[in-house]
N, C-alpha and C. Protein backbone atom coordinates (compact mmCIF):
# COMPACT_ATOMS: atom_id res chain seq x y z
N MET A 1 8.95 53.38 -16.20
CA MET A 1 7.81 54.17 -15.76
C MET A 1 7.76 55.46 -16.57
N PRO A 2 6.61 55.95 -16.88
CA PRO A 2 6.53 57.21 -17.61
C PRO A 2 7.04 58.34 -16.73
N SER A 3 7.85 59.20 -17.31
CA SER A 3 8.37 60.31 -16.53
C SER A 3 7.63 61.60 -16.84
N SER A 4 6.89 61.62 -17.93
CA SER A 4 6.11 62.80 -18.26
C SER A 4 4.68 62.61 -17.75
N PRO A 5 3.97 63.70 -17.56
CA PRO A 5 2.59 63.56 -17.07
C PRO A 5 1.76 62.68 -18.00
N ALA A 6 0.95 61.83 -17.38
CA ALA A 6 0.11 60.92 -18.15
C ALA A 6 -1.00 61.71 -18.84
N PRO A 7 -1.34 61.34 -20.07
CA PRO A 7 -2.41 62.06 -20.76
C PRO A 7 -3.74 61.85 -20.04
N SER A 8 -4.43 62.93 -19.77
CA SER A 8 -5.67 62.85 -19.00
C SER A 8 -6.84 62.34 -19.84
N ASN A 9 -6.70 62.32 -21.16
CA ASN A 9 -7.80 61.87 -22.00
C ASN A 9 -7.90 60.34 -22.04
N LYS A 10 -6.89 59.62 -21.55
CA LYS A 10 -6.94 58.16 -21.50
C LYS A 10 -7.52 57.70 -20.18
N PRO A 11 -8.29 56.63 -20.18
CA PRO A 11 -8.78 56.09 -18.91
C PRO A 11 -7.60 55.66 -18.03
N LYS A 12 -7.78 55.74 -16.74
CA LYS A 12 -6.70 55.43 -15.80
C LYS A 12 -6.21 54.00 -15.97
N LYS A 13 -7.12 53.08 -16.19
CA LYS A 13 -6.73 51.69 -16.37
C LYS A 13 -5.82 51.53 -17.59
N ASP A 14 -6.12 52.26 -18.66
CA ASP A 14 -5.29 52.20 -19.86
C ASP A 14 -3.91 52.80 -19.60
N GLN A 15 -3.87 53.84 -18.78
CA GLN A 15 -2.59 54.43 -18.43
C GLN A 15 -1.75 53.43 -17.63
N LEU A 16 -2.40 52.71 -16.70
CA LEU A 16 -1.70 51.70 -15.92
C LEU A 16 -1.22 50.57 -16.85
N ARG A 17 -2.08 50.16 -17.76
CA ARG A 17 -1.70 49.12 -18.72
C ARG A 17 -0.47 49.55 -19.50
N ASP A 18 -0.47 50.77 -20.01
CA ASP A 18 0.67 51.27 -20.79
C ASP A 18 1.95 51.27 -19.95
N ALA A 19 1.83 51.66 -18.68
CA ALA A 19 3.00 51.68 -17.80
C ALA A 19 3.52 50.26 -17.56
N LEU A 20 2.62 49.31 -17.39
CA LEU A 20 3.03 47.92 -17.16
C LEU A 20 3.63 47.31 -18.43
N VAL A 21 3.09 47.65 -19.58
CA VAL A 21 3.65 47.18 -20.84
C VAL A 21 5.07 47.74 -21.00
N GLU A 22 5.25 48.99 -20.64
CA GLU A 22 6.57 49.61 -20.71
C GLU A 22 7.55 48.88 -19.80
N GLN A 23 7.09 48.50 -18.60
CA GLN A 23 7.93 47.72 -17.67
C GLN A 23 8.35 46.41 -18.33
N ILE A 24 7.40 45.71 -18.90
CA ILE A 24 7.67 44.40 -19.52
C ILE A 24 8.67 44.56 -20.65
N ARG A 25 8.49 45.55 -21.48
CA ARG A 25 9.40 45.77 -22.61
C ARG A 25 10.79 46.15 -22.14
N ALA A 26 10.88 46.72 -20.94
CA ALA A 26 12.18 47.06 -20.36
C ALA A 26 12.82 45.86 -19.68
N GLY A 27 12.10 44.73 -19.67
CA GLY A 27 12.65 43.51 -19.08
C GLY A 27 12.22 43.25 -17.66
N ASP A 28 11.38 44.10 -17.09
CA ASP A 28 10.88 43.92 -15.72
C ASP A 28 9.59 43.11 -15.77
N LEU A 29 9.69 41.83 -15.42
CA LEU A 29 8.54 40.94 -15.52
C LEU A 29 7.88 40.66 -14.17
N ARG A 30 8.17 41.49 -13.18
CA ARG A 30 7.61 41.24 -11.84
C ARG A 30 6.09 41.25 -11.83
N VAL A 31 5.46 42.04 -12.67
CA VAL A 31 4.00 42.10 -12.68
C VAL A 31 3.40 40.77 -13.12
N LEU A 32 4.18 39.92 -13.77
CA LEU A 32 3.71 38.61 -14.22
C LEU A 32 4.04 37.50 -13.23
N ASP A 33 4.66 37.84 -12.12
CA ASP A 33 5.07 36.85 -11.13
C ASP A 33 3.86 36.11 -10.57
N ASP A 34 4.06 34.84 -10.23
CA ASP A 34 2.98 34.02 -9.65
C ASP A 34 2.59 34.48 -8.26
N SER A 35 3.51 35.13 -7.57
CA SER A 35 3.23 35.61 -6.22
C SER A 35 2.43 36.92 -6.30
N PRO A 36 1.25 36.96 -5.68
CA PRO A 36 0.45 38.19 -5.72
C PRO A 36 1.18 39.38 -5.09
N GLN A 37 2.00 39.12 -4.07
CA GLN A 37 2.74 40.22 -3.43
C GLN A 37 3.70 40.87 -4.42
N VAL A 38 4.41 40.05 -5.18
CA VAL A 38 5.37 40.59 -6.14
C VAL A 38 4.64 41.27 -7.30
N SER A 39 3.64 40.59 -7.83
CA SER A 39 2.89 41.11 -8.96
C SER A 39 2.20 42.44 -8.62
N ASN A 40 1.47 42.43 -7.51
CA ASN A 40 0.77 43.66 -7.11
C ASN A 40 1.75 44.75 -6.72
N GLY A 41 2.87 44.38 -6.10
CA GLY A 41 3.88 45.37 -5.73
C GLY A 41 4.40 46.12 -6.94
N ALA A 42 4.67 45.40 -8.02
CA ALA A 42 5.14 46.04 -9.25
C ALA A 42 4.07 46.96 -9.82
N ALA A 43 2.82 46.52 -9.76
CA ALA A 43 1.71 47.34 -10.27
C ALA A 43 1.50 48.57 -9.40
N TYR A 44 1.64 48.42 -8.07
CA TYR A 44 1.49 49.57 -7.17
C TYR A 44 2.57 50.61 -7.46
N ARG A 45 3.80 50.15 -7.68
CA ARG A 45 4.88 51.10 -7.98
C ARG A 45 4.58 51.86 -9.28
N ALA A 46 4.10 51.14 -10.28
CA ALA A 46 3.75 51.80 -11.54
C ALA A 46 2.61 52.80 -11.32
N ASN A 47 1.65 52.41 -10.50
CA ASN A 47 0.52 53.28 -10.18
C ASN A 47 1.00 54.55 -9.47
N MET A 48 1.93 54.39 -8.53
CA MET A 48 2.45 55.57 -7.80
C MET A 48 3.22 56.49 -8.74
N GLU A 49 3.98 55.91 -9.68
CA GLU A 49 4.68 56.73 -10.67
C GLU A 49 3.69 57.52 -11.52
N LEU A 50 2.60 56.86 -11.90
CA LEU A 50 1.57 57.56 -12.67
C LEU A 50 0.94 58.67 -11.85
N GLY A 51 0.70 58.39 -10.57
CA GLY A 51 0.14 59.42 -9.69
C GLY A 51 1.07 60.61 -9.56
N LYS A 52 2.36 60.32 -9.41
CA LYS A 52 3.35 61.39 -9.30
C LYS A 52 3.39 62.20 -10.60
N ALA A 53 3.37 61.50 -11.75
CA ALA A 53 3.40 62.19 -13.04
C ALA A 53 2.14 63.03 -13.25
N ALA A 54 1.03 62.57 -12.67
CA ALA A 54 -0.23 63.31 -12.82
C ALA A 54 -0.34 64.45 -11.81
N GLY A 55 0.67 64.59 -10.95
CA GLY A 55 0.67 65.69 -10.00
C GLY A 55 -0.04 65.39 -8.69
N LYS A 56 -0.31 64.13 -8.41
CA LYS A 56 -0.96 63.78 -7.14
C LYS A 56 0.08 63.90 -6.04
N GLY A 57 -0.41 64.22 -4.87
CA GLY A 57 0.49 64.42 -3.74
C GLY A 57 0.67 63.17 -2.91
N LEU A 58 1.15 63.40 -1.68
CA LEU A 58 1.36 62.30 -0.74
C LEU A 58 0.11 62.05 0.07
N LYS A 59 -0.11 60.79 0.41
CA LYS A 59 -1.23 60.41 1.25
C LYS A 59 -0.66 59.50 2.33
N ASN A 60 -0.77 59.92 3.59
CA ASN A 60 -0.19 59.17 4.71
C ASN A 60 1.31 58.93 4.51
N GLY A 61 2.00 59.90 3.97
CA GLY A 61 3.44 59.81 3.78
C GLY A 61 3.89 59.03 2.55
N LYS A 62 2.94 58.53 1.78
CA LYS A 62 3.28 57.77 0.57
C LYS A 62 2.71 58.47 -0.65
N GLN A 63 3.37 58.29 -1.77
CA GLN A 63 2.88 58.86 -3.02
C GLN A 63 1.52 58.28 -3.35
N GLU A 64 0.58 59.17 -3.63
CA GLU A 64 -0.76 58.71 -4.01
C GLU A 64 -0.73 58.25 -5.45
N GLY A 65 -1.34 57.12 -5.71
CA GLY A 65 -1.37 56.57 -7.06
C GLY A 65 -2.49 57.16 -7.88
N LEU A 66 -2.45 56.87 -9.15
CA LEU A 66 -3.50 57.33 -10.06
C LEU A 66 -4.80 56.60 -9.75
N LEU A 67 -4.70 55.30 -9.42
CA LEU A 67 -5.86 54.48 -9.07
C LEU A 67 -5.80 54.11 -7.59
N ALA A 68 -6.94 53.79 -7.02
CA ALA A 68 -6.96 53.28 -5.64
C ALA A 68 -6.36 51.88 -5.64
N ASP A 69 -5.81 51.45 -4.48
CA ASP A 69 -5.15 50.15 -4.39
C ASP A 69 -6.03 49.00 -4.88
N GLY A 70 -7.28 48.97 -4.47
CA GLY A 70 -8.19 47.91 -4.91
C GLY A 70 -8.39 47.91 -6.41
N ALA A 71 -8.43 49.10 -6.99
CA ALA A 71 -8.61 49.21 -8.44
C ALA A 71 -7.36 48.71 -9.17
N VAL A 72 -6.19 48.89 -8.55
CA VAL A 72 -4.95 48.40 -9.16
C VAL A 72 -4.98 46.87 -9.21
N ARG A 73 -5.34 46.25 -8.08
CA ARG A 73 -5.40 44.78 -8.04
C ARG A 73 -6.39 44.24 -9.07
N THR A 74 -7.55 44.86 -9.16
CA THR A 74 -8.57 44.44 -10.12
C THR A 74 -8.06 44.62 -11.55
N ALA A 75 -7.44 45.75 -11.81
CA ALA A 75 -6.92 46.02 -13.16
C ALA A 75 -5.85 45.00 -13.54
N VAL A 76 -4.97 44.67 -12.59
CA VAL A 76 -3.91 43.70 -12.89
C VAL A 76 -4.51 42.34 -13.22
N LYS A 77 -5.52 41.93 -12.46
CA LYS A 77 -6.17 40.64 -12.73
C LYS A 77 -6.77 40.63 -14.13
N GLN A 78 -7.38 41.74 -14.51
CA GLN A 78 -8.01 41.82 -15.83
C GLN A 78 -6.97 41.91 -16.96
N LEU A 79 -5.86 42.58 -16.68
CA LEU A 79 -4.85 42.80 -17.71
C LEU A 79 -3.85 41.65 -17.84
N LEU A 80 -3.82 40.75 -16.87
CA LEU A 80 -2.80 39.71 -16.84
C LEU A 80 -2.70 38.89 -18.14
N PRO A 81 -3.79 38.40 -18.71
CA PRO A 81 -3.65 37.63 -19.96
C PRO A 81 -3.00 38.45 -21.09
N GLU A 82 -3.41 39.70 -21.21
CA GLU A 82 -2.85 40.56 -22.24
C GLU A 82 -1.38 40.84 -21.97
N LEU A 83 -1.03 41.07 -20.70
CA LEU A 83 0.36 41.36 -20.34
C LEU A 83 1.25 40.13 -20.59
N ARG A 84 0.73 38.95 -20.31
CA ARG A 84 1.50 37.72 -20.57
C ARG A 84 1.75 37.56 -22.07
N GLN A 85 0.74 37.86 -22.87
CA GLN A 85 0.89 37.77 -24.33
C GLN A 85 1.95 38.76 -24.81
N ILE A 86 1.92 39.96 -24.29
CA ILE A 86 2.90 40.98 -24.67
C ILE A 86 4.30 40.53 -24.27
N ALA A 87 4.42 39.95 -23.07
CA ALA A 87 5.73 39.47 -22.60
C ALA A 87 6.24 38.35 -23.51
N GLU A 88 5.36 37.46 -23.93
CA GLU A 88 5.76 36.37 -24.82
C GLU A 88 6.22 36.91 -26.17
N GLU A 89 5.50 37.90 -26.70
CA GLU A 89 5.89 38.52 -27.97
C GLU A 89 7.24 39.21 -27.84
N GLU A 90 7.46 39.88 -26.72
CA GLU A 90 8.72 40.57 -26.47
C GLU A 90 9.87 39.56 -26.37
N ARG A 91 9.63 38.45 -25.68
CA ARG A 91 10.64 37.39 -25.55
C ARG A 91 10.99 36.83 -26.93
N ALA A 92 9.98 36.59 -27.76
CA ALA A 92 10.22 36.07 -29.11
C ALA A 92 10.98 37.08 -29.96
N ARG A 93 10.63 38.35 -29.82
CA ARG A 93 11.32 39.40 -30.58
C ARG A 93 12.79 39.47 -30.20
N ARG A 94 13.06 39.40 -28.88
CA ARG A 94 14.46 39.46 -28.42
C ARG A 94 15.24 38.23 -28.87
N ALA A 95 14.60 37.07 -28.83
CA ALA A 95 15.27 35.84 -29.27
C ALA A 95 15.60 35.93 -30.76
N ALA A 96 14.68 36.45 -31.55
CA ALA A 96 14.92 36.59 -32.99
C ALA A 96 16.04 37.60 -33.25
N ALA A 97 16.05 38.69 -32.49
CA ALA A 97 17.10 39.69 -32.66
C ALA A 97 18.46 39.12 -32.28
N ALA A 98 18.50 38.34 -31.20
CA ALA A 98 19.76 37.74 -30.77
C ALA A 98 20.24 36.71 -31.78
N ALA A 99 19.33 35.95 -32.36
CA ALA A 99 19.70 34.94 -33.35
C ALA A 99 20.24 35.59 -34.62
N SER A 100 19.69 36.71 -35.02
CA SER A 100 20.13 37.37 -36.25
C SER A 100 21.47 38.07 -36.06
N GLN A 101 21.84 38.37 -34.82
CA GLN A 101 23.11 39.06 -34.56
C GLN A 101 24.28 38.09 -34.43
N ARG A 102 24.01 36.81 -34.22
CA ARG A 102 25.09 35.84 -34.08
C ARG A 102 25.84 35.71 -35.39
N ALA A 103 27.15 35.80 -35.32
CA ALA A 103 27.98 35.65 -36.50
C ALA A 103 28.20 34.17 -36.77
N PRO A 104 28.34 33.80 -38.03
CA PRO A 104 28.62 32.39 -38.32
C PRO A 104 29.97 32.01 -37.74
N GLU A 105 30.06 30.78 -37.27
CA GLU A 105 31.30 30.33 -36.65
C GLU A 105 32.37 30.14 -37.71
N PRO A 106 33.62 30.52 -37.40
CA PRO A 106 34.70 30.31 -38.37
C PRO A 106 34.99 28.81 -38.48
N ALA A 107 35.57 28.43 -39.61
CA ALA A 107 35.91 27.02 -39.82
C ALA A 107 36.96 26.60 -38.80
N PRO A 108 36.84 25.42 -38.23
CA PRO A 108 37.84 24.96 -37.26
C PRO A 108 39.21 24.86 -37.91
N ASP A 109 40.27 25.05 -37.11
CA ASP A 109 41.64 25.04 -37.62
C ASP A 109 42.01 23.73 -38.28
N HIS A 110 41.47 22.62 -37.81
CA HIS A 110 41.87 21.33 -38.34
C HIS A 110 41.39 21.10 -39.78
N GLN A 111 40.50 21.93 -40.28
CA GLN A 111 40.02 21.74 -41.64
C GLN A 111 40.98 22.33 -42.66
N GLY A 112 41.78 23.27 -42.26
CA GLY A 112 42.78 23.85 -43.15
C GLY A 112 42.15 24.66 -44.27
N PRO A 113 42.98 25.22 -45.13
CA PRO A 113 42.47 26.03 -46.24
C PRO A 113 41.85 25.16 -47.32
N ALA A 114 41.12 25.80 -48.20
CA ALA A 114 40.38 25.09 -49.25
C ALA A 114 41.30 24.43 -50.27
N ASP A 115 42.57 24.87 -50.38
CA ASP A 115 43.45 24.30 -51.40
C ASP A 115 43.96 22.91 -51.04
N GLY A 116 43.56 22.38 -49.90
CA GLY A 116 43.92 21.02 -49.51
C GLY A 116 45.31 20.93 -48.90
N GLY A 117 46.06 21.99 -48.95
CA GLY A 117 47.40 21.99 -48.38
C GLY A 117 47.35 22.35 -46.91
N THR A 118 48.52 22.60 -46.40
CA THR A 118 48.59 23.02 -45.01
C THR A 118 48.64 24.53 -44.97
N SER A 119 48.20 25.08 -43.90
CA SER A 119 48.23 26.53 -43.78
C SER A 119 49.64 26.97 -43.44
N SER A 120 49.91 28.24 -43.55
CA SER A 120 51.24 28.74 -43.25
C SER A 120 51.59 28.50 -41.78
N ALA A 121 50.61 28.52 -40.90
CA ALA A 121 50.87 28.24 -39.49
C ALA A 121 51.29 26.79 -39.31
N ASP A 122 50.65 25.87 -40.05
CA ASP A 122 51.03 24.46 -39.98
C ASP A 122 52.44 24.26 -40.52
N GLU A 123 52.76 24.93 -41.64
CA GLU A 123 54.08 24.79 -42.24
C GLU A 123 55.16 25.29 -41.31
N SER A 124 54.95 26.44 -40.68
CA SER A 124 55.98 26.97 -39.78
C SER A 124 56.13 26.08 -38.56
N ARG A 125 55.06 25.46 -38.10
CA ARG A 125 55.13 24.55 -36.96
C ARG A 125 55.95 23.33 -37.35
N GLU A 126 55.74 22.82 -38.57
CA GLU A 126 56.49 21.66 -39.03
C GLU A 126 57.97 21.98 -39.18
N ARG A 127 58.29 23.19 -39.60
CA ARG A 127 59.69 23.59 -39.75
C ARG A 127 60.37 23.71 -38.40
N ARG A 128 59.64 24.12 -37.37
CA ARG A 128 60.23 24.31 -36.06
C ARG A 128 60.43 23.01 -35.31
N GLU A 129 59.62 22.01 -35.56
CA GLU A 129 59.68 20.77 -34.78
C GLU A 129 61.06 20.13 -34.75
N PRO A 130 61.76 19.97 -35.87
CA PRO A 130 63.04 19.28 -35.82
C PRO A 130 64.12 20.05 -35.07
N GLU A 131 63.96 21.34 -34.86
CA GLU A 131 65.00 22.14 -34.25
C GLU A 131 65.34 21.72 -32.83
N ALA A 132 64.34 21.52 -31.99
CA ALA A 132 64.62 21.21 -30.59
C ALA A 132 63.63 20.19 -30.08
N PRO A 133 64.10 19.26 -29.25
CA PRO A 133 63.17 18.29 -28.68
C PRO A 133 62.26 18.96 -27.67
N GLY A 134 61.10 18.35 -27.43
CA GLY A 134 60.18 18.87 -26.44
C GLY A 134 60.77 18.75 -25.05
N ILE A 135 60.26 19.49 -24.12
CA ILE A 135 60.77 19.47 -22.75
C ILE A 135 60.63 18.06 -22.19
N GLY A 136 61.77 17.52 -21.67
CA GLY A 136 61.74 16.20 -21.06
C GLY A 136 61.81 15.05 -22.05
N HIS A 137 61.91 15.35 -23.33
CA HIS A 137 61.96 14.30 -24.35
C HIS A 137 63.19 14.52 -25.22
N GLN A 138 63.76 13.42 -25.66
CA GLN A 138 64.85 13.51 -26.62
C GLN A 138 64.37 12.90 -27.92
N ARG A 139 64.85 13.43 -28.99
CA ARG A 139 64.51 12.87 -30.28
C ARG A 139 65.20 11.50 -30.40
N GLY A 140 64.60 10.64 -31.16
CA GLY A 140 65.14 9.29 -31.33
C GLY A 140 66.56 9.29 -31.86
N GLU A 141 66.84 10.12 -32.84
CA GLU A 141 68.17 10.15 -33.43
C GLU A 141 69.20 10.62 -32.41
N GLU A 142 68.88 11.65 -31.63
CA GLU A 142 69.81 12.19 -30.66
C GLU A 142 70.06 11.19 -29.55
N ALA A 143 69.07 10.44 -29.15
CA ALA A 143 69.25 9.45 -28.09
C ALA A 143 70.14 8.31 -28.56
N ASP A 144 70.12 8.00 -29.85
CA ASP A 144 70.91 6.88 -30.38
C ASP A 144 72.34 7.28 -30.71
N THR A 145 72.63 8.53 -30.83
CA THR A 145 73.97 8.94 -31.23
C THR A 145 74.92 8.84 -30.06
N SER A 146 76.13 8.52 -30.37
CA SER A 146 77.15 8.42 -29.33
C SER A 146 77.69 9.81 -29.03
N SER A 147 78.40 9.90 -27.94
CA SER A 147 78.97 11.19 -27.57
C SER A 147 80.02 11.63 -28.58
N GLU A 148 80.69 10.68 -29.22
CA GLU A 148 81.69 11.02 -30.24
C GLU A 148 81.03 11.69 -31.44
N GLU A 149 79.89 11.14 -31.85
CA GLU A 149 79.19 11.71 -33.01
C GLU A 149 78.69 13.11 -32.69
N ARG A 150 78.23 13.29 -31.46
CA ARG A 150 77.75 14.63 -31.07
C ARG A 150 78.89 15.63 -31.08
N GLU A 151 80.05 15.23 -30.56
CA GLU A 151 81.21 16.12 -30.55
C GLU A 151 81.64 16.45 -31.97
N ALA A 152 81.60 15.47 -32.84
CA ALA A 152 82.00 15.68 -34.23
C ALA A 152 81.03 16.63 -34.92
N ALA A 153 79.76 16.51 -34.58
CA ALA A 153 78.75 17.38 -35.17
C ALA A 153 78.92 18.81 -34.69
N LEU A 154 79.36 18.98 -33.46
CA LEU A 154 79.56 20.32 -32.91
C LEU A 154 80.83 20.96 -33.44
N ALA A 155 81.80 20.20 -33.83
CA ALA A 155 83.09 20.73 -34.26
C ALA A 155 83.06 21.35 -35.60
């Protein structure tokens, strides 16, 4: 919502349009909702903010808007096609910005380096494997060796 006083040289409907466009660009799409209560509610809030910025006071305990309630509903109906177009352009702009910010995915580990060899991580893994059997598994050679051979190897 505009926080500074609205320029008085612009027609009120244009000021409301600008406020609604600002809402849409900020990601608030309630004015485009299919429900008239939601759509008009968002427009009424924008209208009240414009009224407050223009220095209008309270009426029956509520902030007086720049436009009368009926004029807000009429303006929203007239502005809806344009607001939908703006929302679609904004959605496309954000999608394009998000797509351009995505970094290219790194090559999967299984492809290895370009030299066709194994990477240093693969080599160190291969060097470690013979050292100890996996949990709950014995290596074939160790399972086949007799206790005498194991004792001799330890000595």
